[in-house]
Amino acid sequence: MFGKGLVKGLQITWKEFWAPKLTVQYPEKQHTVPERFHGKFVLDVDKCIACGLCANACPNRVISLNKQKVGKKQYLTDYQMNIQYCLFCGLCVESCNKDALHFTKDFNMNQYFYKNIPLVLVRREAPAEPLEEPAMGGEDQPKPKLKPQAPKEEKVAKPAAPAAESEAAAGKEGQ
């Protein structure tokens, strides 16, 4: 009765002793990571519209972003993530409606100094004047306004009386 746990433990150890080894020599060899692996973040600045949905979706408030409005367009000037508090849940990536934020397969994000831990994805100045966007076949040009027209009066035709009723009416008039 007392050696039952010991026997089970030895059975597991004996089985694992003959199983193939999963250990790799890390710096020289690396395991392949799954397709949906949550690694380091990458931001495509050209796609980002600085809407802030990713910052709002983050449960730990890891993401901080600054934006500047130039003309009618918002420019992302600073995008920073405090990785030490990140859960790698992926809610920020899912909430991005322009697919600007992605995960990479890089899992080695260690830093030697504490001041280097925040991940700075963007730090730039906004342009002084808005950049002109190329015309897309006249879509950007204002469309002429149409004047409202008065509704047309439609003549409603009265239904014709059946032939029997009209003959009866004509016969009464003749009498």
N, C-alpha and C. Protein backbone atom coordinates (compact mmCIF):
# COMPACT_ATOMS: atom_id res chain seq x y z
N MET A 1 0.81 -1.19 0.00
CA MET A 1 0.00 0.00 0.00
C MET A 1 0.85 1.26 0.00
N PHE A 2 1.98 1.24 0.68
CA PHE A 2 2.79 2.45 0.80
C PHE A 2 3.63 2.70 -0.44
N GLY A 3 3.93 1.69 -1.23
CA GLY A 3 4.81 1.86 -2.38
C GLY A 3 4.08 2.06 -3.69
N LYS A 4 2.74 2.22 -3.64
CA LYS A 4 1.96 2.36 -4.86
C LYS A 4 2.34 3.64 -5.61
N GLY A 5 2.51 4.76 -4.93
CA GLY A 5 2.89 6.03 -5.56
C GLY A 5 4.30 5.96 -6.12
N LEU A 6 5.19 5.28 -5.41
CA LEU A 6 6.56 5.14 -5.89
C LEU A 6 6.62 4.32 -7.17
N VAL A 7 5.82 3.28 -7.26
CA VAL A 7 5.78 2.44 -8.45
C VAL A 7 5.25 3.23 -9.64
N LYS A 8 4.19 4.02 -9.43
CA LYS A 8 3.64 4.85 -10.53
C LYS A 8 4.68 5.85 -11.01
N GLY A 9 5.39 6.48 -10.10
CA GLY A 9 6.41 7.45 -10.47
C GLY A 9 7.55 6.81 -11.26
N LEU A 10 7.95 5.62 -10.85
CA LEU A 10 9.03 4.92 -11.57
C LEU A 10 8.57 4.47 -12.95
N GLN A 11 7.29 4.10 -13.09
CA GLN A 11 6.77 3.73 -14.40
C GLN A 11 6.84 4.92 -15.37
N ILE A 12 6.44 6.09 -14.89
CA ILE A 12 6.49 7.29 -15.73
C ILE A 12 7.94 7.62 -16.10
N THR A 13 8.83 7.52 -15.12
CA THR A 13 10.24 7.82 -15.38
C THR A 13 10.81 6.84 -16.40
N TRP A 14 10.51 5.56 -16.26
CA TRP A 14 11.02 4.54 -17.18
C TRP A 14 10.49 4.76 -18.60
N LYS A 15 9.21 5.14 -18.71
CA LYS A 15 8.61 5.40 -20.02
C LYS A 15 9.26 6.61 -20.68
N GLU A 16 9.48 7.69 -19.94
CA GLU A 16 10.09 8.90 -20.49
C GLU A 16 11.57 8.70 -20.80
N PHE A 17 12.21 7.76 -20.14
CA PHE A 17 13.62 7.49 -20.39
C PHE A 17 13.83 7.00 -21.82
N TRP A 18 12.89 6.24 -22.34
CA TRP A 18 13.00 5.69 -23.69
C TRP A 18 12.33 6.54 -24.76
N ALA A 19 11.61 7.57 -24.36
CA ALA A 19 10.94 8.45 -25.33
C ALA A 19 11.98 9.34 -26.04
N PRO A 20 11.67 9.81 -27.26
CA PRO A 20 12.63 10.70 -27.95
C PRO A 20 12.83 12.00 -27.17
N LYS A 21 14.04 12.50 -27.21
CA LYS A 21 14.39 13.70 -26.45
C LYS A 21 13.94 14.95 -27.20
N LEU A 22 13.43 15.93 -26.47
CA LEU A 22 12.95 17.17 -27.05
C LEU A 22 13.91 18.33 -26.81
N THR A 23 14.96 18.12 -26.07
CA THR A 23 15.90 19.18 -25.77
C THR A 23 16.75 19.50 -26.99
N VAL A 24 16.93 20.80 -27.25
CA VAL A 24 17.79 21.24 -28.34
C VAL A 24 18.87 22.14 -27.76
N GLN A 25 19.96 22.25 -28.45
CA GLN A 25 21.03 23.16 -28.05
C GLN A 25 20.64 24.55 -28.54
N TYR A 26 20.05 25.37 -27.64
CA TYR A 26 19.32 26.58 -28.03
C TYR A 26 20.05 27.57 -28.93
N PRO A 27 21.17 28.09 -28.61
CA PRO A 27 21.65 29.15 -29.52
C PRO A 27 21.92 28.65 -30.93
N GLU A 28 22.37 27.41 -31.07
CA GLU A 28 22.67 26.88 -32.40
C GLU A 28 21.42 26.40 -33.11
N LYS A 29 20.55 25.72 -32.39
CA LYS A 29 19.32 25.19 -32.97
C LYS A 29 18.13 25.79 -32.23
N GLN A 30 17.03 25.95 -32.97
CA GLN A 30 15.81 26.47 -32.36
C GLN A 30 14.62 25.64 -32.78
N HIS A 31 13.67 25.51 -31.87
CA HIS A 31 12.41 24.83 -32.21
C HIS A 31 11.64 25.70 -33.21
N THR A 32 10.86 25.06 -34.05
CA THR A 32 9.97 25.82 -34.92
C THR A 32 8.76 26.25 -34.09
N VAL A 33 8.32 27.46 -34.31
CA VAL A 33 7.19 27.97 -33.54
C VAL A 33 5.91 27.77 -34.35
N PRO A 34 4.78 27.62 -33.69
CA PRO A 34 3.52 27.44 -34.41
C PRO A 34 3.15 28.66 -35.24
N GLU A 35 2.23 28.48 -36.16
CA GLU A 35 1.82 29.55 -37.08
C GLU A 35 1.21 30.72 -36.33
N ARG A 36 0.44 30.46 -35.30
CA ARG A 36 -0.26 31.52 -34.57
C ARG A 36 0.48 31.94 -33.30
N PHE A 37 1.79 31.87 -33.31
CA PHE A 37 2.61 32.20 -32.15
C PHE A 37 2.57 33.69 -31.87
N HIS A 38 2.46 34.07 -30.60
CA HIS A 38 2.45 35.47 -30.20
C HIS A 38 3.84 35.87 -29.75
N GLY A 39 4.59 36.47 -30.65
CA GLY A 39 5.95 36.89 -30.34
C GLY A 39 6.04 38.40 -30.26
N LYS A 40 7.09 38.94 -30.82
CA LYS A 40 7.33 40.38 -30.79
C LYS A 40 6.32 41.11 -31.69
N PHE A 41 6.01 42.34 -31.33
CA PHE A 41 5.04 43.14 -32.09
C PHE A 41 5.75 43.91 -33.20
N VAL A 42 5.04 44.08 -34.32
CA VAL A 42 5.51 44.90 -35.44
C VAL A 42 4.35 45.77 -35.87
N LEU A 43 4.62 47.05 -36.08
CA LEU A 43 3.60 48.00 -36.51
C LEU A 43 3.93 48.51 -37.90
N ASP A 44 2.98 48.40 -38.82
CA ASP A 44 3.13 48.95 -40.16
C ASP A 44 2.60 50.39 -40.12
N VAL A 45 3.51 51.34 -40.07
CA VAL A 45 3.15 52.74 -39.87
C VAL A 45 2.34 53.28 -41.04
N ASP A 46 2.58 52.79 -42.24
CA ASP A 46 1.85 53.29 -43.41
C ASP A 46 0.37 52.92 -43.36
N LYS A 47 0.04 51.80 -42.74
CA LYS A 47 -1.35 51.37 -42.65
C LYS A 47 -2.08 51.97 -41.45
N CYS A 48 -1.33 52.35 -40.42
CA CYS A 48 -1.94 52.82 -39.17
C CYS A 48 -2.59 54.18 -39.37
N ILE A 49 -3.82 54.32 -38.89
CA ILE A 49 -4.56 55.58 -39.00
C ILE A 49 -4.67 56.29 -37.65
N ALA A 50 -3.97 55.79 -36.64
CA ALA A 50 -3.92 56.40 -35.30
C ALA A 50 -5.31 56.52 -34.68
N CYS A 51 -6.10 55.46 -34.79
CA CYS A 51 -7.45 55.50 -34.25
C CYS A 51 -7.48 55.20 -32.75
N GLY A 52 -6.51 54.46 -32.23
CA GLY A 52 -6.44 54.17 -30.81
C GLY A 52 -7.24 52.95 -30.39
N LEU A 53 -7.75 52.17 -31.32
CA LEU A 53 -8.52 50.97 -30.96
C LEU A 53 -7.64 49.94 -30.24
N CYS A 54 -6.39 49.83 -30.64
CA CYS A 54 -5.49 48.87 -30.01
C CYS A 54 -5.23 49.25 -28.55
N ALA A 55 -5.05 50.52 -28.27
CA ALA A 55 -4.81 50.98 -26.90
C ALA A 55 -6.05 50.77 -26.04
N ASN A 56 -7.22 50.95 -26.61
CA ASN A 56 -8.46 50.75 -25.85
C ASN A 56 -8.75 49.27 -25.60
N ALA A 57 -8.29 48.40 -26.48
CA ALA A 57 -8.57 46.97 -26.34
C ALA A 57 -7.64 46.30 -25.34
N CYS A 58 -6.53 46.91 -25.02
CA CYS A 58 -5.53 46.30 -24.13
C CYS A 58 -6.05 46.27 -22.69
N PRO A 59 -6.13 45.08 -22.08
CA PRO A 59 -6.66 45.01 -20.70
C PRO A 59 -5.70 45.59 -19.67
N ASN A 60 -4.41 45.59 -19.90
CA ASN A 60 -3.43 46.11 -18.94
C ASN A 60 -2.98 47.53 -19.26
N ARG A 61 -3.53 48.15 -20.26
CA ARG A 61 -3.16 49.50 -20.69
C ARG A 61 -1.65 49.59 -20.94
N VAL A 62 -1.16 48.64 -21.71
CA VAL A 62 0.26 48.56 -22.05
C VAL A 62 0.62 49.56 -23.14
N ILE A 63 -0.30 49.83 -24.05
CA ILE A 63 -0.03 50.64 -25.23
C ILE A 63 -0.31 52.11 -24.94
N SER A 64 0.66 52.95 -25.29
CA SER A 64 0.44 54.39 -25.24
C SER A 64 0.81 54.95 -26.60
N LEU A 65 -0.07 55.78 -27.14
CA LEU A 65 0.21 56.37 -28.44
C LEU A 65 -0.12 57.84 -28.42
N ASN A 66 0.63 58.58 -29.21
CA ASN A 66 0.39 60.01 -29.39
C ASN A 66 0.18 60.25 -30.87
N LYS A 67 -0.74 61.14 -31.17
CA LYS A 67 -1.04 61.45 -32.56
C LYS A 67 -1.14 62.96 -32.72
N GLN A 68 -0.95 63.40 -33.94
CA GLN A 68 -1.02 64.82 -34.24
C GLN A 68 -1.83 64.98 -35.52
N LYS A 69 -2.76 65.92 -35.50
CA LYS A 69 -3.62 66.14 -36.66
C LYS A 69 -3.00 67.19 -37.55
N VAL A 70 -2.82 66.84 -38.81
CA VAL A 70 -2.28 67.76 -39.82
C VAL A 70 -3.29 67.78 -40.96
N GLY A 71 -3.93 68.90 -41.13
CA GLY A 71 -4.98 68.98 -42.15
C GLY A 71 -6.17 68.17 -41.69
N LYS A 72 -6.58 67.22 -42.52
CA LYS A 72 -7.70 66.35 -42.18
C LYS A 72 -7.25 64.97 -41.72
N LYS A 73 -5.93 64.72 -41.72
CA LYS A 73 -5.42 63.39 -41.43
C LYS A 73 -4.67 63.38 -40.10
N GLN A 74 -4.77 62.27 -39.38
CA GLN A 74 -4.04 62.08 -38.13
C GLN A 74 -2.76 61.33 -38.41
N TYR A 75 -1.66 61.79 -37.81
CA TYR A 75 -0.37 61.12 -37.97
C TYR A 75 0.07 60.57 -36.61
N LEU A 76 0.50 59.35 -36.63
CA LEU A 76 1.01 58.70 -35.43
C LEU A 76 2.42 59.21 -35.19
N THR A 77 2.64 59.84 -34.05
CA THR A 77 3.96 60.39 -33.76
C THR A 77 4.74 59.55 -32.76
N ASP A 78 4.05 58.84 -31.87
CA ASP A 78 4.73 58.03 -30.86
C ASP A 78 3.87 56.82 -30.53
N TYR A 79 4.47 55.64 -30.60
CA TYR A 79 3.75 54.40 -30.27
C TYR A 79 4.69 53.56 -29.41
N GLN A 80 4.29 53.33 -28.17
CA GLN A 80 5.16 52.65 -27.22
C GLN A 80 4.37 51.60 -26.45
N MET A 81 5.02 50.45 -26.19
CA MET A 81 4.39 49.36 -25.44
C MET A 81 5.27 49.00 -24.26
N ASN A 82 4.69 48.93 -23.08
CA ASN A 82 5.41 48.47 -21.89
C ASN A 82 5.29 46.95 -21.84
N ILE A 83 6.24 46.30 -22.47
CA ILE A 83 6.18 44.85 -22.67
C ILE A 83 6.20 44.08 -21.35
N GLN A 84 6.78 44.64 -20.31
CA GLN A 84 6.86 43.90 -19.04
C GLN A 84 5.49 43.64 -18.45
N TYR A 85 4.47 44.40 -18.86
CA TYR A 85 3.11 44.20 -18.36
C TYR A 85 2.19 43.53 -19.38
N CYS A 86 2.71 43.20 -20.54
CA CYS A 86 1.89 42.65 -21.62
C CYS A 86 1.53 41.19 -21.33
N LEU A 87 0.28 40.84 -21.61
CA LEU A 87 -0.19 39.46 -21.46
C LEU A 87 -0.02 38.65 -22.74
N PHE A 88 0.28 39.28 -23.85
CA PHE A 88 0.35 38.66 -25.17
C PHE A 88 -0.95 37.95 -25.49
N CYS A 89 -2.04 38.60 -25.14
CA CYS A 89 -3.37 38.03 -25.39
C CYS A 89 -3.80 38.21 -26.84
N GLY A 90 -3.29 39.22 -27.52
CA GLY A 90 -3.62 39.43 -28.92
C GLY A 90 -4.85 40.27 -29.16
N LEU A 91 -5.43 40.86 -28.13
CA LEU A 91 -6.62 41.68 -28.32
C LEU A 91 -6.31 42.94 -29.11
N CYS A 92 -5.12 43.46 -28.94
CA CYS A 92 -4.75 44.67 -29.70
C CYS A 92 -4.61 44.35 -31.19
N VAL A 93 -4.06 43.18 -31.51
CA VAL A 93 -3.89 42.79 -32.90
C VAL A 93 -5.25 42.52 -33.54
N GLU A 94 -6.14 41.90 -32.79
CA GLU A 94 -7.48 41.61 -33.31
C GLU A 94 -8.30 42.88 -33.52
N SER A 95 -8.10 43.88 -32.67
CA SER A 95 -8.93 45.08 -32.76
C SER A 95 -8.49 46.03 -33.86
N CYS A 96 -7.29 45.86 -34.39
CA CYS A 96 -6.80 46.75 -35.43
C CYS A 96 -7.57 46.49 -36.73
N ASN A 97 -8.36 47.49 -37.17
CA ASN A 97 -9.20 47.27 -38.34
C ASN A 97 -8.44 47.49 -39.65
N LYS A 98 -7.22 47.98 -39.60
CA LYS A 98 -6.42 48.16 -40.81
C LYS A 98 -5.28 47.15 -40.91
N ASP A 99 -5.22 46.19 -40.04
CA ASP A 99 -4.16 45.16 -39.99
C ASP A 99 -2.77 45.78 -39.96
N ALA A 100 -2.59 46.81 -39.14
CA ALA A 100 -1.31 47.48 -39.03
C ALA A 100 -0.43 46.85 -37.96
N LEU A 101 -1.02 46.21 -36.96
CA LEU A 101 -0.27 45.62 -35.85
C LEU A 101 -0.26 44.11 -36.01
N HIS A 102 0.94 43.51 -35.93
CA HIS A 102 1.09 42.07 -36.12
C HIS A 102 2.05 41.49 -35.09
N PHE A 103 1.96 40.17 -34.92
CA PHE A 103 2.95 39.43 -34.14
C PHE A 103 3.99 38.87 -35.10
N THR A 104 5.23 38.75 -34.61
CA THR A 104 6.26 38.05 -35.36
C THR A 104 6.56 36.75 -34.63
N LYS A 105 7.42 35.95 -35.19
CA LYS A 105 7.79 34.69 -34.55
C LYS A 105 9.03 34.84 -33.68
N ASP A 106 9.48 36.07 -33.48
CA ASP A 106 10.65 36.34 -32.66
C ASP A 106 10.23 36.33 -31.19
N PHE A 107 10.79 35.45 -30.39
CA PHE A 107 10.44 35.37 -28.98
C PHE A 107 11.54 35.88 -28.08
N ASN A 108 12.67 36.23 -28.62
CA ASN A 108 13.79 36.69 -27.83
C ASN A 108 13.73 38.21 -27.68
N MET A 109 13.06 38.67 -26.61
CA MET A 109 12.88 40.09 -26.38
C MET A 109 13.54 40.53 -25.08
N ASN A 110 14.53 39.81 -24.61
CA ASN A 110 15.14 40.14 -23.33
C ASN A 110 16.00 41.40 -23.44
N GLN A 111 16.07 42.14 -22.35
CA GLN A 111 16.84 43.38 -22.28
C GLN A 111 17.72 43.33 -21.04
N TYR A 112 18.89 43.93 -21.13
CA TYR A 112 19.80 43.95 -20.00
C TYR A 112 19.48 45.09 -19.05
N PHE A 113 19.08 46.24 -19.60
CA PHE A 113 18.77 47.40 -18.77
C PHE A 113 17.27 47.62 -18.72
N TYR A 114 16.79 48.04 -17.55
CA TYR A 114 15.37 48.25 -17.33
C TYR A 114 14.81 49.36 -18.23
N LYS A 115 15.60 50.37 -18.51
CA LYS A 115 15.13 51.49 -19.33
C LYS A 115 14.88 51.07 -20.77
N ASN A 116 15.43 49.94 -21.21
CA ASN A 116 15.25 49.46 -22.59
C ASN A 116 14.04 48.53 -22.74
N ILE A 117 13.34 48.25 -21.66
CA ILE A 117 12.21 47.31 -21.73
C ILE A 117 11.04 47.84 -22.56
N PRO A 118 10.63 49.11 -22.43
CA PRO A 118 9.51 49.56 -23.27
C PRO A 118 9.85 49.43 -24.75
N LEU A 119 8.93 48.83 -25.49
CA LEU A 119 9.12 48.60 -26.92
C LEU A 119 8.60 49.83 -27.68
N VAL A 120 9.51 50.58 -28.28
CA VAL A 120 9.15 51.77 -29.04
C VAL A 120 9.01 51.36 -30.49
N LEU A 121 7.79 51.38 -31.00
CA LEU A 121 7.55 50.98 -32.37
C LEU A 121 7.58 52.16 -33.33
N VAL A 122 7.20 53.35 -32.86
CA VAL A 122 7.24 54.55 -33.71
C VAL A 122 7.65 55.73 -32.83
N ARG A 123 8.55 56.52 -33.33
CA ARG A 123 8.89 57.81 -32.72
C ARG A 123 9.33 58.72 -33.86
N ARG A 124 8.43 59.60 -34.28
CA ARG A 124 8.71 60.45 -35.42
C ARG A 124 7.95 61.76 -35.28
N GLU A 125 8.31 62.71 -36.14
CA GLU A 125 7.64 64.00 -36.19
C GLU A 125 6.55 63.95 -37.25
N ALA A 126 5.47 64.66 -37.01
CA ALA A 126 4.42 64.76 -38.02
C ALA A 126 4.86 65.75 -39.09
N PRO A 127 4.43 65.56 -40.34
CA PRO A 127 4.81 66.52 -41.38
C PRO A 127 4.21 67.90 -41.09
N ALA A 128 4.91 68.95 -41.55
CA ALA A 128 4.46 70.31 -41.29
C ALA A 128 3.18 70.64 -42.04
N GLU A 129 3.05 70.12 -43.24
CA GLU A 129 1.84 70.36 -44.03
C GLU A 129 1.33 69.04 -44.56
N PRO A 130 0.04 68.94 -44.83
CA PRO A 130 -0.51 67.66 -45.29
C PRO A 130 0.05 67.27 -46.65
N LEU A 131 0.31 65.98 -46.76
CA LEU A 131 0.79 65.44 -48.03
C LEU A 131 -0.39 65.31 -48.99
N GLU A 132 -0.17 65.66 -50.25
CA GLU A 132 -1.23 65.55 -51.23
C GLU A 132 -1.37 64.11 -51.66
N GLU A 133 -2.58 63.64 -51.68
CA GLU A 133 -2.83 62.27 -52.10
C GLU A 133 -3.22 62.27 -53.56
N PRO A 134 -2.80 61.27 -54.33
CA PRO A 134 -3.14 61.24 -55.75
C PRO A 134 -4.63 61.06 -55.95
N ALA A 135 -5.14 61.70 -57.01
CA ALA A 135 -6.57 61.61 -57.32
C ALA A 135 -6.87 60.22 -57.84
N MET A 136 -7.95 59.66 -57.39
CA MET A 136 -8.35 58.30 -57.77
C MET A 136 -9.52 58.37 -58.72
N GLY A 137 -9.29 58.83 -59.93
CA GLY A 137 -10.34 58.83 -60.95
C GLY A 137 -11.48 59.77 -60.63
N GLY A 138 -11.21 60.89 -59.99
CA GLY A 138 -12.26 61.86 -59.74
C GLY A 138 -13.09 61.56 -58.51
N GLU A 139 -12.71 60.59 -57.69
CA GLU A 139 -13.50 60.28 -56.51
C GLU A 139 -13.37 61.37 -55.47
N ASP A 140 -12.21 62.06 -55.44
CA ASP A 140 -11.99 63.08 -54.43
C ASP A 140 -12.64 64.41 -54.80
N GLN A 141 -13.03 64.58 -56.06
CA GLN A 141 -13.63 65.83 -56.49
C GLN A 141 -15.07 65.90 -56.00
N PRO A 142 -15.52 67.11 -55.60
CA PRO A 142 -16.89 67.20 -55.12
C PRO A 142 -17.88 66.99 -56.26
N LYS A 143 -18.93 66.32 -55.93
CA LYS A 143 -19.96 66.04 -56.93
C LYS A 143 -20.93 67.22 -56.99
N PRO A 144 -21.42 67.55 -58.19
CA PRO A 144 -22.37 68.68 -58.30
C PRO A 144 -23.68 68.32 -57.60
N LYS A 145 -24.22 69.33 -56.94
CA LYS A 145 -25.48 69.10 -56.23
C LYS A 145 -26.63 69.23 -57.21
N LEU A 146 -27.56 68.34 -57.11
CA LEU A 146 -28.74 68.37 -57.97
C LEU A 146 -29.83 69.19 -57.29
N LYS A 147 -30.52 70.01 -58.09
CA LYS A 147 -31.61 70.81 -57.55
C LYS A 147 -32.82 69.91 -57.36
N PRO A 148 -33.49 70.04 -56.24
CA PRO A 148 -34.69 69.22 -56.06
C PRO A 148 -35.78 69.69 -56.99
N GLN A 149 -36.41 68.78 -57.64
CA GLN A 149 -37.48 69.11 -58.57
C GLN A 149 -38.82 68.86 -57.91
N ALA A 150 -39.78 69.66 -58.31
CA ALA A 150 -41.13 69.50 -57.77
C ALA A 150 -41.70 68.19 -58.30
N PRO A 151 -42.45 67.50 -57.48
CA PRO A 151 -43.02 66.23 -57.96
C PRO A 151 -44.01 66.48 -59.08
N LYS A 152 -43.97 65.64 -60.07
CA LYS A 152 -44.88 65.76 -61.21
C LYS A 152 -46.26 65.31 -60.81
N GLU A 153 -47.25 66.04 -61.33
CA GLU A 153 -48.64 65.66 -61.04
C GLU A 153 -49.02 64.55 -62.00
N GLU A 154 -49.50 63.52 -61.44
CA GLU A 154 -49.91 62.39 -62.26
C GLU A 154 -51.42 62.41 -62.41
N LYS A 155 -51.87 62.20 -63.62
CA LYS A 155 -53.30 62.13 -63.88
C LYS A 155 -53.76 60.73 -63.56
N VAL A 156 -54.75 60.67 -62.72
CA VAL A 156 -55.29 59.38 -62.35
C VAL A 156 -56.48 59.10 -63.25
N ALA A 157 -56.42 58.05 -64.01
CA ALA A 157 -57.51 57.69 -64.92
C ALA A 157 -58.60 56.99 -64.13
N LYS A 158 -59.83 57.43 -64.38
CA LYS A 158 -60.94 56.80 -63.70
C LYS A 158 -61.22 55.48 -64.40
N PRO A 159 -61.51 54.46 -63.61
CA PRO A 159 -61.77 53.17 -64.24
C PRO A 159 -63.04 53.23 -65.10
N ALA A 160 -63.00 52.62 -66.25
CA ALA A 160 -64.15 52.61 -67.16
C ALA A 160 -65.25 51.74 -66.57
N ALA A 161 -66.48 52.21 -66.73
CA ALA A 161 -67.62 51.45 -66.21
C ALA A 161 -67.85 50.26 -67.11
N PRO A 162 -68.27 49.16 -66.55
CA PRO A 162 -68.56 48.00 -67.38
C PRO A 162 -69.64 48.32 -68.40
N ALA A 163 -69.65 47.62 -69.49
CA ALA A 163 -70.57 47.89 -70.61
C ALA A 163 -72.02 47.71 -70.19
N ALA A 164 -72.34 46.76 -69.37
CA ALA A 164 -73.73 46.51 -68.97
C ALA A 164 -74.26 47.69 -68.16
N GLU A 165 -73.47 48.25 -67.29
CA GLU A 165 -73.91 49.36 -66.45
C GLU A 165 -74.09 50.61 -67.30
N SER A 166 -73.23 50.81 -68.26
CA SER A 166 -73.33 52.02 -69.09
C SER A 166 -74.57 51.92 -70.00
N GLU A 167 -74.91 50.74 -70.50
CA GLU A 167 -76.09 50.58 -71.32
C GLU A 167 -77.36 50.79 -70.51
N ALA A 168 -77.36 50.30 -69.25
CA ALA A 168 -78.52 50.46 -68.40
C ALA A 168 -78.72 51.94 -68.09
N ALA A 169 -77.65 52.64 -67.86
CA ALA A 169 -77.74 54.07 -67.57
C ALA A 169 -78.24 54.84 -68.77
N ALA A 170 -77.82 54.42 -69.97
CA ALA A 170 -78.26 55.07 -71.21
C ALA A 170 -79.74 54.79 -71.47
N GLY A 171 -80.24 53.61 -71.12
CA GLY A 171 -81.63 53.26 -71.34
C GLY A 171 -82.55 54.06 -70.41
N LYS A 172 -82.11 54.38 -69.21
CA LYS A 172 -82.93 55.16 -68.28
C LYS A 172 -83.02 56.59 -68.77
N GLU A 173 -81.99 57.11 -69.37
CA GLU A 173 -82.01 58.49 -69.83
C GLU A 173 -82.99 58.62 -71.02
N GLY A 174 -83.08 57.57 -71.82
CA GLY A 174 -83.96 57.61 -73.00
C GLY A 174 -85.41 57.52 -72.64
N GLN A 175 -85.80 57.14 -71.51
CA GLN A 175 -87.20 57.01 -71.15
C GLN A 175 -87.79 58.24 -70.66
